[in-house]
PDB file of all heavy atoms in Angstrom:
ATOM      1  N   MET A   1      83.505  -7.523 189.092  1.00  0.00           N
ATOM      2  CA  MET A   1      83.750  -8.889 188.720  1.00  0.00           C
ATOM      3  C   MET A   1      85.257  -9.191 188.827  1.00  0.00           C
ATOM      4  O   MET A   1      86.055  -8.434 188.353  1.00  0.00           O
ATOM      5  CB  MET A   1      83.258  -9.167 187.307  1.00  0.00           C
ATOM      6  CG  MET A   1      82.872 -10.599 187.175  1.00  0.00           C
ATOM      7  SD  MET A   1      82.386 -11.246 185.586  1.00  0.00           S
ATOM      8  CE  MET A   1      81.247 -10.176 184.860  1.00  0.00           C
ATOM      9  N   ASN A   2      85.603 -10.342 189.401  1.00  0.00           N
ATOM     10  CA  ASN A   2      87.023 -10.717 189.544  1.00  0.00           C
ATOM     11  C   ASN A   2      87.523 -11.377 188.270  1.00  0.00           C
ATOM     12  O   ASN A   2      86.866 -12.266 187.735  1.00  0.00           O
ATOM     13  CB  ASN A   2      87.237 -11.679 190.707  1.00  0.00           C
ATOM     14  CG  ASN A   2      87.042 -10.983 192.054  1.00  0.00           C
ATOM     15  OD1 ASN A   2      87.085  -9.773 192.126  1.00  0.00           O
ATOM     16  ND2 ASN A   2      86.818 -11.770 193.072  1.00  0.00           N
ATOM     17  N   LYS A   3      88.694 -10.928 187.811  1.00  0.00           N
ATOM     18  CA  LYS A   3      89.308 -11.582 186.657  1.00  0.00           C
ATOM     19  C   LYS A   3      90.080 -12.807 187.134  1.00  0.00           C
ATOM     20  O   LYS A   3      90.693 -12.761 188.186  1.00  0.00           O
ATOM     21  CB  LYS A   3      90.284 -10.604 185.973  1.00  0.00           C
ATOM     22  CG  LYS A   3      89.641  -9.449 185.289  1.00  0.00           C
ATOM     23  CD  LYS A   3      90.704  -8.606 184.593  1.00  0.00           C
ATOM     24  CE  LYS A   3      90.100  -7.417 183.932  1.00  0.00           C
ATOM     25  NZ  LYS A   3      91.101  -6.586 183.292  1.00  0.00           N
ATOM     26  N   PRO A   4      90.114 -13.859 186.342  1.00  0.00           N
ATOM     27  CA  PRO A   4      90.934 -15.014 186.746  1.00  0.00           C
ATOM     28  C   PRO A   4      92.383 -14.659 186.706  1.00  0.00           C
ATOM     29  O   PRO A   4      92.825 -13.860 185.850  1.00  0.00           O
ATOM     30  CB  PRO A   4      90.564 -16.094 185.739  1.00  0.00           C
ATOM     31  CG  PRO A   4      89.949 -15.396 184.565  1.00  0.00           C
ATOM     32  CD  PRO A   4      89.407 -14.069 185.104  1.00  0.00           C
ATOM     33  N   ALA A   5      93.128 -15.229 187.609  1.00  0.00           N
ATOM     34  CA  ALA A   5      94.588 -14.973 187.651  1.00  0.00           C
ATOM     35  C   ALA A   5      95.222 -15.532 186.378  1.00  0.00           C
ATOM     36  O   ALA A   5      94.817 -16.606 185.919  1.00  0.00           O
ATOM     37  CB  ALA A   5      95.189 -15.564 188.873  1.00  0.00           C
ATOM     38  N   PRO A   6      96.197 -14.796 185.813  1.00  0.00           N
ATOM     39  CA  PRO A   6      96.890 -15.382 184.642  1.00  0.00           C
ATOM     40  C   PRO A   6      97.636 -16.633 185.053  1.00  0.00           C
ATOM     41  O   PRO A   6      98.077 -16.780 186.179  1.00  0.00           O
ATOM     42  CB  PRO A   6      97.839 -14.248 184.231  1.00  0.00           C
ATOM     43  CG  PRO A   6      97.994 -13.394 185.420  1.00  0.00           C
ATOM     44  CD  PRO A   6      96.754 -13.556 186.235  1.00  0.00           C
ATOM     45  N   PRO A   7      97.792 -17.581 184.116  1.00  0.00           N
ATOM     46  CA  PRO A   7      98.500 -18.801 184.458  1.00  0.00           C
ATOM     47  C   PRO A   7      99.948 -18.460 184.810  1.00  0.00           C
ATOM     48  O   PRO A   7     100.565 -17.592 184.217  1.00  0.00           O
ATOM     49  CB  PRO A   7      98.425 -19.642 183.155  1.00  0.00           C
ATOM     50  CG  PRO A   7      98.058 -18.680 182.077  1.00  0.00           C
ATOM     51  CD  PRO A   7      97.372 -17.529 182.717  1.00  0.00           C
ATOM     52  N   THR A   8     100.441 -19.183 185.778  1.00  0.00           N
ATOM     53  CA  THR A   8     101.859 -18.956 186.168  1.00  0.00           C
ATOM     54  C   THR A   8     102.729 -19.874 185.351  1.00  0.00           C
ATOM     55  O   THR A   8     102.366 -21.003 185.005  1.00  0.00           O
ATOM     56  CB  THR A   8     102.043 -19.242 187.660  1.00  0.00           C
ATOM     57  OG1 THR A   8     101.700 -20.627 187.916  1.00  0.00           O
ATOM     58  CG2 THR A   8     101.229 -18.351 188.513  1.00  0.00           C
ATOM     59  N   THR A   9     103.878 -19.386 185.030  1.00  0.00           N
ATOM     60  CA  THR A   9     104.850 -20.190 184.293  1.00  0.00           C
ATOM     61  C   THR A   9     105.929 -20.590 185.269  1.00  0.00           C
ATOM     62  O   THR A   9     106.339 -19.811 186.155  1.00  0.00           O
ATOM     63  CB  THR A   9     105.479 -19.392 183.129  1.00  0.00           C
ATOM     64  OG1 THR A   9     106.059 -18.220 183.658  1.00  0.00           O
ATOM     65  CG2 THR A   9     104.458 -19.028 182.083  1.00  0.00           C
ATOM     66  N   PRO A  10     106.396 -21.835 185.165  1.00  0.00           N
ATOM     67  CA  PRO A  10     107.474 -22.241 186.084  1.00  0.00           C
ATOM     68  C   PRO A  10     108.726 -21.402 185.828  1.00  0.00           C
ATOM     69  O   PRO A  10     109.015 -21.029 184.706  1.00  0.00           O
ATOM     70  CB  PRO A  10     107.699 -23.710 185.750  1.00  0.00           C
ATOM     71  CG  PRO A  10     107.060 -23.939 184.441  1.00  0.00           C
ATOM     72  CD  PRO A  10     106.024 -22.846 184.233  1.00  0.00           C
ATOM     73  N   SER A  11     109.406 -21.085 186.903  1.00  0.00           N
ATOM     74  CA  SER A  11     110.612 -20.302 186.714  1.00  0.00           C
ATOM     75  C   SER A  11     111.676 -21.090 185.964  1.00  0.00           C
ATOM     76  O   SER A  11     111.826 -22.301 186.214  1.00  0.00           O
ATOM     77  CB  SER A  11     111.203 -19.815 188.035  1.00  0.00           C
ATOM     78  OG  SER A  11     111.573 -20.933 188.827  1.00  0.00           O
ATOM     79  N   ILE A  12     112.331 -20.445 185.044  1.00  0.00           N
ATOM     80  CA  ILE A  12     113.374 -21.101 184.238  1.00  0.00           C
ATOM     81  C   ILE A  12     114.705 -20.802 184.913  1.00  0.00           C
ATOM     82  O   ILE A  12     115.055 -19.618 185.095  1.00  0.00           O
ATOM     83  CB  ILE A  12     113.348 -20.605 182.808  1.00  0.00           C
ATOM     84  CG1 ILE A  12     111.983 -20.910 182.167  1.00  0.00           C
ATOM     85  CG2 ILE A  12     114.466 -21.185 181.978  1.00  0.00           C
ATOM     86  CD1 ILE A  12     111.757 -20.299 180.809  1.00  0.00           C
ATOM     87  N   PRO A  13     115.426 -21.831 185.279  1.00  0.00           N
ATOM     88  CA  PRO A  13     116.710 -21.559 185.957  1.00  0.00           C
ATOM     89  C   PRO A  13     117.672 -20.889 184.977  1.00  0.00           C
ATOM     90  O   PRO A  13     117.716 -21.170 183.789  1.00  0.00           O
ATOM     91  CB  PRO A  13     117.206 -22.957 186.338  1.00  0.00           C
ATOM     92  CG  PRO A  13     116.486 -23.917 185.468  1.00  0.00           C
ATOM     93  CD  PRO A  13     115.178 -23.251 185.124  1.00  0.00           C
ATOM     94  N   THR A  14     118.438 -19.986 185.530  1.00  0.00           N
ATOM     95  CA  THR A  14     119.457 -19.283 184.748  1.00  0.00           C
ATOM     96  C   THR A  14     120.693 -20.180 184.687  1.00  0.00           C
ATOM     97  O   THR A  14     121.216 -20.567 185.720  1.00  0.00           O
ATOM     98  CB  THR A  14     119.815 -17.935 185.367  1.00  0.00           C
ATOM     99  OG1 THR A  14     118.620 -17.175 185.487  1.00  0.00           O
ATOM    100  CG2 THR A  14     120.807 -17.197 184.553  1.00  0.00           C
ATOM    101  N   LEU A  15     121.141 -20.473 183.483  1.00  0.00           N
ATOM    102  CA  LEU A  15     122.333 -21.269 183.333  1.00  0.00           C
ATOM    103  C   LEU A  15     123.587 -20.385 183.345  1.00  0.00           C
ATOM    104  O   LEU A  15     123.563 -19.279 182.806  1.00  0.00           O
ATOM    105  CB  LEU A  15     122.281 -22.044 181.999  1.00  0.00           C
ATOM    106  CG  LEU A  15     121.142 -23.059 181.869  1.00  0.00           C
ATOM    107  CD1 LEU A  15     121.121 -23.630 180.465  1.00  0.00           C
ATOM    108  CD2 LEU A  15     121.256 -24.137 182.898  1.00  0.00           C
ATOM    109  N   PRO A  16     124.675 -20.913 183.906  1.00  0.00           N
ATOM    110  CA  PRO A  16     125.905 -20.120 183.857  1.00  0.00           C
ATOM    111  C   PRO A  16     126.397 -19.978 182.435  1.00  0.00           C
ATOM    112  O   PRO A  16     126.218 -20.880 181.619  1.00  0.00           O
ATOM    113  CB  PRO A  16     126.871 -20.944 184.707  1.00  0.00           C
ATOM    114  CG  PRO A  16     126.295 -22.297 184.875  1.00  0.00           C
ATOM    115  CD  PRO A  16     124.803 -22.192 184.573  1.00  0.00           C
ATOM    116  N   VAL A  17     126.992 -18.860 182.120  1.00  0.00           N
ATOM    117  CA  VAL A  17     127.511 -18.626 180.771  1.00  0.00           C
ATOM    118  C   VAL A  17     129.035 -18.518 180.892  1.00  0.00           C
ATOM    119  O   VAL A  17     129.556 -17.730 181.700  1.00  0.00           O
ATOM    120  CB  VAL A  17     126.965 -17.283 180.202  1.00  0.00           C
ATOM    121  CG1 VAL A  17     127.579 -16.991 178.859  1.00  0.00           C
ATOM    122  CG2 VAL A  17     125.443 -17.390 180.076  1.00  0.00           C
ATOM    123  N   LEU A  18     129.729 -19.320 180.101  1.00  0.00           N
ATOM    124  CA  LEU A  18     131.173 -19.240 180.025  1.00  0.00           C
ATOM    125  C   LEU A  18     131.563 -18.854 178.605  1.00  0.00           C
ATOM    126  O   LEU A  18     131.065 -19.375 177.655  1.00  0.00           O
ATOM    127  CB  LEU A  18     131.814 -20.615 180.309  1.00  0.00           C
ATOM    128  CG  LEU A  18     131.565 -21.218 181.708  1.00  0.00           C
ATOM    129  CD1 LEU A  18     132.143 -22.623 181.793  1.00  0.00           C
ATOM    130  CD2 LEU A  18     132.187 -20.343 182.774  1.00  0.00           C
ATOM    131  N   ASN A  19     132.447 -17.873 178.516  1.00  0.00           N
ATOM    132  CA  ASN A  19     132.954 -17.485 177.218  1.00  0.00           C
ATOM    133  C   ASN A  19     133.921 -18.565 176.745  1.00  0.00           C
ATOM    134  O   ASN A  19     134.684 -19.128 177.571  1.00  0.00           O
ATOM    135  CB  ASN A  19     133.653 -16.128 177.364  1.00  0.00           C
ATOM    136  CG  ASN A  19     133.982 -15.543 176.019  1.00  0.00           C
ATOM    137  OD1 ASN A  19     134.824 -16.078 175.298  1.00  0.00           O
ATOM    138  ND2 ASN A  19     133.356 -14.440 175.699  1.00  0.00           N
ATOM    139  N   SER A  20     133.891 -18.864 175.458  1.00  0.00           N
ATOM    140  CA  SER A  20     134.791 -19.925 174.944  1.00  0.00           C
ATOM    141  C   SER A  20     136.262 -19.640 175.252  1.00  0.00           C
ATOM    142  O   SER A  20     137.044 -20.556 175.461  1.00  0.00           O
ATOM    143  CB  SER A  20     134.591 -20.146 173.453  1.00  0.00           C
ATOM    144  OG  SER A  20     134.912 -18.944 172.746  1.00  0.00           O
ATOM    145  N   SER A  21     136.614 -18.357 175.332  1.00  0.00           N
ATOM    146  CA  SER A  21     138.018 -18.028 175.631  1.00  0.00           C
ATOM    147  C   SER A  21     138.366 -18.435 177.071  1.00  0.00           C
ATOM    148  O   SER A  21     139.522 -18.751 177.361  1.00  0.00           O
ATOM    149  CB  SER A  21     138.286 -16.525 175.446  1.00  0.00           C
ATOM    150  OG  SER A  21     137.479 -15.788 176.322  1.00  0.00           O
ATOM    151  N   GLN A  22     137.375 -18.496 177.958  1.00  0.00           N
ATOM    152  CA  GLN A  22     137.633 -18.998 179.322  1.00  0.00           C
ATOM    153  C   GLN A  22     137.931 -20.477 179.303  1.00  0.00           C
ATOM    154  O   GLN A  22     138.797 -20.946 180.098  1.00  0.00           O
ATOM    155  CB  GLN A  22     136.418 -18.784 180.214  1.00  0.00           C
ATOM    156  CG  GLN A  22     136.093 -17.347 180.544  1.00  0.00           C
ATOM    157  CD  GLN A  22     134.783 -17.195 181.278  1.00  0.00           C
ATOM    158  OE1 GLN A  22     133.725 -17.413 180.695  1.00  0.00           O
ATOM    159  NE2 GLN A  22     134.862 -16.860 182.572  1.00  0.00           N
ATOM    160  N   LEU A  23     137.314 -21.223 178.405  1.00  0.00           N
ATOM    161  CA  LEU A  23     137.580 -22.641 178.327  1.00  0.00           C
ATOM    162  C   LEU A  23     138.871 -22.941 177.564  1.00  0.00           C
ATOM    163  O   LEU A  23     139.674 -23.790 177.997  1.00  0.00           O
ATOM    164  CB  LEU A  23     136.419 -23.368 177.651  1.00  0.00           C
ATOM    165  CG  LEU A  23     135.088 -23.357 178.342  1.00  0.00           C
ATOM    166  CD1 LEU A  23     133.991 -23.916 177.426  1.00  0.00           C
ATOM    167  CD2 LEU A  23     135.158 -24.157 179.621  1.00  0.00           C
ATOM    168  N   LEU A  24     139.055 -22.257 176.464  1.00  0.00           N
ATOM    169  CA  LEU A  24     140.216 -22.566 175.590  1.00  0.00           C
ATOM    170  C   LEU A  24     141.509 -21.940 176.083  1.00  0.00           C
ATOM    171  O   LEU A  24     142.575 -22.445 175.773  1.00  0.00           O
ATOM    172  CB  LEU A  24     139.910 -22.126 174.150  1.00  0.00           C
ATOM    173  CG  LEU A  24     138.785 -22.898 173.485  1.00  0.00           C
ATOM    174  CD1 LEU A  24     138.436 -22.224 172.153  1.00  0.00           C
ATOM    175  CD2 LEU A  24     139.136 -24.339 173.272  1.00  0.00           C
ATOM    176  N   GLN A  25     141.436 -20.830 176.828  1.00  0.00           N
ATOM    177  CA  GLN A  25     142.598 -20.164 177.377  1.00  0.00           C
ATOM    178  C   GLN A  25     143.727 -19.978 176.353  1.00  0.00           C
ATOM    179  O   GLN A  25     144.886 -20.300 176.587  1.00  0.00           O
ATOM    180  CB  GLN A  25     143.131 -20.924 178.588  1.00  0.00           C
ATOM    181  CG  GLN A  25     142.098 -21.024 179.723  1.00  0.00           C
ATOM    182  CD  GLN A  25     142.571 -21.778 180.895  1.00  0.00           C
ATOM    183  OE1 GLN A  25     143.713 -22.253 180.956  1.00  0.00           O
ATOM    184  NE2 GLN A  25     141.730 -21.922 181.882  1.00  0.00           N
ATOM    185  N   GLY A  26     143.370 -19.458 175.184  1.00  0.00           N
ATOM    186  CA  GLY A  26     144.356 -19.186 174.166  1.00  0.00           C
ATOM    187  C   GLY A  26     144.790 -20.393 173.326  1.00  0.00           C
ATOM    188  O   GLY A  26     145.553 -20.221 172.383  1.00  0.00           O
ATOM    189  N   GLN A  27     144.262 -21.541 173.623  1.00  0.00           N
ATOM    190  CA  GLN A  27     144.587 -22.761 172.852  1.00  0.00           C
ATOM    191  C   GLN A  27     143.536 -22.975 171.789  1.00  0.00           C
ATOM    192  O   GLN A  27     142.443 -22.419 171.839  1.00  0.00           O
ATOM    193  CB  GLN A  27     144.644 -23.978 173.787  1.00  0.00           C
ATOM    194  CG  GLN A  27     145.609 -23.840 174.950  1.00  0.00           C
ATOM    195  CD  GLN A  27     147.068 -23.734 174.474  1.00  0.00           C
ATOM    196  OE1 GLN A  27     147.519 -24.532 173.641  1.00  0.00           O
ATOM    197  NE2 GLN A  27     147.777 -22.751 174.964  1.00  0.00           N
ATOM    198  N   ARG A  28     143.809 -23.836 170.834  1.00  0.00           N
ATOM    199  CA  ARG A  28     142.833 -24.222 169.809  1.00  0.00           C
ATOM    200  C   ARG A  28     141.958 -25.379 170.257  1.00  0.00           C
ATOM    201  O   ARG A  28     140.920 -25.656 169.698  1.00  0.00           O
ATOM    202  CB  ARG A  28     143.549 -24.594 168.504  1.00  0.00           C
ATOM    203  CG  ARG A  28     144.354 -23.464 167.864  1.00  0.00           C
ATOM    204  CD  ARG A  28     143.515 -22.396 167.265  1.00  0.00           C
ATOM    205  NE  ARG A  28     142.764 -22.940 166.123  1.00  0.00           N
ATOM    206  CZ  ARG A  28     142.128 -22.168 165.279  1.00  0.00           C
ATOM    207  NH1 ARG A  28     142.148 -20.882 165.448  1.00  0.00           N
ATOM    208  NH2 ARG A  28     141.463 -22.703 164.287  1.00  0.00           N
ATOM    209  N   ALA A  29     142.452 -26.108 171.301  1.00  0.00           N
ATOM    210  CA  ALA A  29     141.689 -27.278 171.787  1.00  0.00           C
ATOM    211  C   ALA A  29     141.987 -27.515 173.247  1.00  0.00           C
ATOM    212  O   ALA A  29     143.065 -27.166 173.732  1.00  0.00           O
ATOM    213  CB  ALA A  29     142.055 -28.505 170.947  1.00  0.00           C
ATOM    214  N   VAL A  30     141.013 -28.136 173.928  1.00  0.00           N
ATOM    215  CA  VAL A  30     141.159 -28.528 175.317  1.00  0.00           C
ATOM    216  C   VAL A  30     140.497 -29.899 175.490  1.00  0.00           C
ATOM    217  O   VAL A  30     139.608 -30.271 174.731  1.00  0.00           O
ATOM    218  CB  VAL A  30     140.538 -27.517 176.332  1.00  0.00           C
ATOM    219  CG1 VAL A  30     141.289 -26.208 176.318  1.00  0.00           C
ATOM    220  CG2 VAL A  30     139.067 -27.328 176.102  1.00  0.00           C
ATOM    221  N   VAL A  31     140.971 -30.624 176.486  1.00  0.00           N
ATOM    222  CA  VAL A  31     140.353 -31.904 176.833  1.00  0.00           C
ATOM    223  C   VAL A  31     139.457 -31.658 178.044  1.00  0.00           C
ATOM    224  O   VAL A  31     139.867 -31.061 179.018  1.00  0.00           O
ATOM    225  CB  VAL A  31     141.417 -32.978 177.146  1.00  0.00           C
ATOM    226  CG1 VAL A  31     140.795 -34.262 177.634  1.00  0.00           C
ATOM    227  CG2 VAL A  31     142.271 -33.255 175.913  1.00  0.00           C
ATOM    228  N   ILE A  32     138.226 -32.187 177.952  1.00  0.00           N
ATOM    229  CA  ILE A  32     137.275 -32.066 179.037  1.00  0.00           C
ATOM    230  C   ILE A  32     136.980 -33.504 179.518  1.00  0.00           C
ATOM    231  O   ILE A  32     136.657 -34.371 178.732  1.00  0.00           O
ATOM    232  CB  ILE A  32     135.952 -31.422 178.548  1.00  0.00           C
ATOM    233  CG1 ILE A  32     136.212 -30.018 178.047  1.00  0.00           C
ATOM    234  CG2 ILE A  32     134.919 -31.392 179.670  1.00  0.00           C
ATOM    235  CD1 ILE A  32     135.042 -29.361 177.355  1.00  0.00           C
ATOM    236  N   GLU A  33     137.171 -33.701 180.817  1.00  0.00           N
ATOM    237  CA  GLU A  33     136.893 -35.009 181.395  1.00  0.00           C
ATOM    238  C   GLU A  33     135.513 -34.962 182.027  1.00  0.00           C
ATOM    239  O   GLU A  33     135.217 -34.058 182.812  1.00  0.00           O
ATOM    240  CB  GLU A  33     137.965 -35.387 182.420  1.00  0.00           C
ATOM    241  CG  GLU A  33     137.931 -36.854 182.766  1.00  0.00           C
ATOM    242  CD  GLU A  33     139.166 -37.272 183.547  1.00  0.00           C
ATOM    243  OE1 GLU A  33     140.261 -37.054 183.012  1.00  0.00           O
ATOM    244  OE2 GLU A  33     138.982 -37.782 184.623  1.00  0.00           O
ATOM    245  N   HIS A  34     134.683 -35.942 181.704  1.00  0.00           N
ATOM    246  CA  HIS A  34     133.312 -36.005 182.213  1.00  0.00           C
ATOM    247  C   HIS A  34     132.952 -37.467 182.495  1.00  0.00           C
ATOM    248  O   HIS A  34     133.003 -38.312 181.579  1.00  0.00           O
ATOM    249  CB  HIS A  34     132.322 -35.395 181.183  1.00  0.00           C
ATOM    250  CG  HIS A  34     130.907 -35.500 181.594  1.00  0.00           C
ATOM    251  ND1 HIS A  34     130.368 -34.765 182.616  1.00  0.00           N
ATOM    252  CD2 HIS A  34     129.893 -36.265 181.104  1.00  0.00           C
ATOM    253  CE1 HIS A  34     129.066 -35.079 182.744  1.00  0.00           C
ATOM    254  NE2 HIS A  34     128.765 -35.957 181.829  1.00  0.00           N
ATOM    255  N   ASN A  35     132.639 -37.753 183.738  1.00  0.00           N
ATOM    256  CA  ASN A  35     132.262 -39.125 184.143  1.00  0.00           C
ATOM    257  C   ASN A  35     133.303 -40.168 183.677  1.00  0.00           C
ATOM    258  O   ASN A  35     132.933 -41.213 183.179  1.00  0.00           O
ATOM    259  CB  ASN A  35     130.887 -39.486 183.589  1.00  0.00           C
ATOM    260  CG  ASN A  35     129.766 -38.756 184.294  1.00  0.00           C
ATOM    261  OD1 ASN A  35     129.928 -38.308 185.430  1.00  0.00           O
ATOM    262  ND2 ASN A  35     128.659 -38.602 183.612  1.00  0.00           N
ATOM    263  N   GLY A  36     134.553 -39.829 183.840  1.00  0.00           N
ATOM    264  CA  GLY A  36     135.627 -40.745 183.485  1.00  0.00           C
ATOM    265  C   GLY A  36     135.910 -40.846 182.010  1.00  0.00           C
ATOM    266  O   GLY A  36     136.793 -41.611 181.591  1.00  0.00           O
ATOM    267  N   GLU A  37     135.222 -40.120 181.177  1.00  0.00           N
ATOM    268  CA  GLU A  37     135.442 -40.115 179.726  1.00  0.00           C
ATOM    269  C   GLU A  37     136.138 -38.795 179.351  1.00  0.00           C
ATOM    270  O   GLU A  37     135.896 -37.767 179.971  1.00  0.00           O
ATOM    271  CB  GLU A  37     134.118 -40.210 178.964  1.00  0.00           C
ATOM    272  CG  GLU A  37     133.299 -41.429 179.304  1.00  0.00           C
ATOM    273  CD  GLU A  37     133.746 -42.704 178.510  1.00  0.00           C
ATOM    274  OE1 GLU A  37     134.771 -42.619 177.787  1.00  0.00           O
ATOM    275  OE2 GLU A  37     133.084 -43.694 178.628  1.00  0.00           O
ATOM    276  N   ARG A  38     136.925 -38.848 178.306  1.00  0.00           N
ATOM    277  CA  ARG A  38     137.624 -37.641 177.814  1.00  0.00           C
ATOM    278  C   ARG A  38     137.029 -37.188 176.495  1.00  0.00           C
ATOM    279  O   ARG A  38     136.788 -38.006 175.601  1.00  0.00           O
ATOM    280  CB  ARG A  38     139.117 -37.892 177.694  1.00  0.00           C
ATOM    281  CG  ARG A  38     139.779 -38.011 178.998  1.00  0.00           C
ATOM    282  CD  ARG A  38     141.276 -38.066 178.883  1.00  0.00           C
ATOM    283  NE  ARG A  38     141.849 -37.922 180.206  1.00  0.00           N
ATOM    284  CZ  ARG A  38     143.045 -37.499 180.455  1.00  0.00           C
ATOM    285  NH1 ARG A  38     143.866 -37.214 179.427  1.00  0.00           N
ATOM    286  NH2 ARG A  38     143.527 -37.424 181.660  1.00  0.00           N
ATOM    287  N   TYR A  39     136.804 -35.879 176.408  1.00  0.00           N
ATOM    288  CA  TYR A  39     136.233 -35.255 175.224  1.00  0.00           C
ATOM    289  C   TYR A  39     137.180 -34.151 174.796  1.00  0.00           C
ATOM    290  O   TYR A  39     137.805 -33.529 175.662  1.00  0.00           O
ATOM    291  CB  TYR A  39     134.862 -34.684 175.499  1.00  0.00           C
ATOM    292  CG  TYR A  39     133.844 -35.698 175.921  1.00  0.00           C
ATOM    293  CD1 TYR A  39     133.756 -36.128 177.233  1.00  0.00           C
ATOM    294  CD2 TYR A  39     132.934 -36.206 175.001  1.00  0.00           C
ATOM    295  CE1 TYR A  39     132.809 -37.082 177.631  1.00  0.00           C
ATOM    296  CE2 TYR A  39     131.982 -37.152 175.367  1.00  0.00           C
ATOM    297  CZ  TYR A  39     131.925 -37.565 176.703  1.00  0.00           C
ATOM    298  OH  TYR A  39     131.001 -38.492 177.077  1.00  0.00           O
ATOM    299  N   THR A  40     137.273 -33.900 173.511  1.00  0.00           N
ATOM    300  CA  THR A  40     138.073 -32.793 173.023  1.00  0.00           C
ATOM    301  C   THR A  40     137.141 -31.698 172.475  1.00  0.00           C
ATOM    302  O   THR A  40     136.274 -31.967 171.641  1.00  0.00           O
ATOM    303  CB  THR A  40     139.004 -33.297 171.870  1.00  0.00           C
ATOM    304  OG1 THR A  40     139.836 -34.306 172.400  1.00  0.00           O
ATOM    305  CG2 THR A  40     139.886 -32.135 171.374  1.00  0.00           C
ATOM    306  N   LEU A  41     137.329 -30.506 172.969  1.00  0.00           N
ATOM    307  CA  LEU A  41     136.648 -29.341 172.468  1.00  0.00           C
ATOM    308  C   LEU A  41     137.648 -28.528 171.667  1.00  0.00           C
ATOM    309  O   LEU A  41     138.692 -28.163 172.173  1.00  0.00           O
ATOM    310  CB  LEU A  41     136.103 -28.473 173.613  1.00  0.00           C
ATOM    311  CG  LEU A  41     135.405 -27.187 173.223  1.00  0.00           C
ATOM    312  CD1 LEU A  41     134.074 -27.495 172.503  1.00  0.00           C
ATOM    313  CD2 LEU A  41     135.174 -26.292 174.419  1.00  0.00           C
ATOM    314  N   ARG A  42     137.352 -28.357 170.391  1.00  0.00           N
ATOM    315  CA  ARG A  42     138.317 -27.653 169.551  1.00  0.00           C
ATOM    316  C   ARG A  42     137.617 -26.558 168.713  1.00  0.00           C
ATOM    317  O   ARG A  42     136.422 -26.686 168.409  1.00  0.00           O
ATOM    318  CB  ARG A  42     139.123 -28.584 168.667  1.00  0.00           C
ATOM    319  CG  ARG A  42     138.343 -29.251 167.583  1.00  0.00           C
ATOM    320  CD  ARG A  42     139.262 -30.189 166.744  1.00  0.00           C
ATOM    321  NE  ARG A  42     138.490 -30.874 165.772  1.00  0.00           N
ATOM    322  CZ  ARG A  42     138.257 -30.408 164.529  1.00  0.00           C
ATOM    323  NH1 ARG A  42     138.753 -29.239 164.147  1.00  0.00           N
ATOM    324  NH2 ARG A  42     137.536 -31.105 163.694  1.00  0.00           N
ATOM    325  N   GLU A  43     138.402 -25.547 168.396  1.00  0.00           N
ATOM    326  CA  GLU A  43     137.900 -24.450 167.551  1.00  0.00           C
ATOM    327  C   GLU A  43     138.402 -24.677 166.145  1.00  0.00           C
ATOM    328  O   GLU A  43     139.578 -24.941 165.917  1.00  0.00           O
ATOM    329  CB  GLU A  43     138.424 -23.134 168.095  1.00  0.00           C
ATOM    330  CG  GLU A  43     137.952 -21.932 167.321  1.00  0.00           C
ATOM    331  CD  GLU A  43     138.459 -20.600 167.864  1.00  0.00           C
ATOM    332  OE1 GLU A  43     139.320 -20.611 168.744  1.00  0.00           O
ATOM    333  OE2 GLU A  43     138.046 -19.568 167.363  1.00  0.00           O
ATOM    334  N   THR A  44     137.500 -24.576 165.187  1.00  0.00           N
ATOM    335  CA  THR A  44     137.847 -24.751 163.782  1.00  0.00           C
ATOM    336  C   THR A  44     138.453 -23.481 163.213  1.00  0.00           C
ATOM    337  O   THR A  44     138.402 -22.415 163.886  1.00  0.00           O
ATOM    338  CB  THR A  44     136.647 -25.138 162.908  1.00  0.00           C
ATOM    339  OG1 THR A  44     135.740 -24.034 162.877  1.00  0.00           O
ATOM    340  CG2 THR A  44     135.940 -26.371 163.492  1.00  0.00           C
ATOM    341  N   ARG A  45     138.975 -23.551 162.013  1.00  0.00           N
ATOM    342  CA  ARG A  45     139.535 -22.357 161.376  1.00  0.00           C
ATOM    343  C   ARG A  45     138.445 -21.319 161.108  1.00  0.00           C
ATOM    344  O   ARG A  45     138.720 -20.121 161.001  1.00  0.00           O
ATOM    345  CB  ARG A  45     140.216 -22.728 160.050  1.00  0.00           C
ATOM    346  CG  ARG A  45     141.616 -23.293 160.271  1.00  0.00           C
ATOM    347  CD  ARG A  45     142.294 -23.636 158.960  1.00  0.00           C
ATOM    348  NE  ARG A  45     142.116 -25.078 158.796  1.00  0.00           N
ATOM    349  CZ  ARG A  45     142.051 -25.707 157.668  1.00  0.00           C
ATOM    350  NH1 ARG A  45     142.123 -25.041 156.530  1.00  0.00           N
ATOM    351  NH2 ARG A  45     141.897 -27.014 157.622  1.00  0.00           N
ATOM    352  N   GLN A  46     137.213 -21.798 160.998  1.00  0.00           N
ATOM    353  CA  GLN A  46     136.078 -20.859 160.782  1.00  0.00           C
ATOM    354  C   GLN A  46     135.527 -20.296 162.080  1.00  0.00           C
ATOM    355  O   GLN A  46     134.547 -19.587 162.083  1.00  0.00           O
ATOM    356  CB  GLN A  46     134.934 -21.598 160.044  1.00  0.00           C
ATOM    357  CG  GLN A  46     135.281 -21.972 158.622  1.00  0.00           C
ATOM    358  CD  GLN A  46     136.066 -23.275 158.536  1.00  0.00           C
ATOM    359  OE1 GLN A  46     136.017 -24.139 159.420  1.00  0.00           O
ATOM    360  NE2 GLN A  46     136.878 -23.409 157.485  1.00  0.00           N
TER     361      GLN A  46
END
């Protein structure tokens, strides 16, 4: 007897991983520009 094939799951894309030190480059904050808007990414004391 043939077993039914297990359901296939859609492949999940692998997202790139950036270490926060790559973004901050030794600073406590950086400005990120996205679609003409500016955002500040900062690290807290904690």
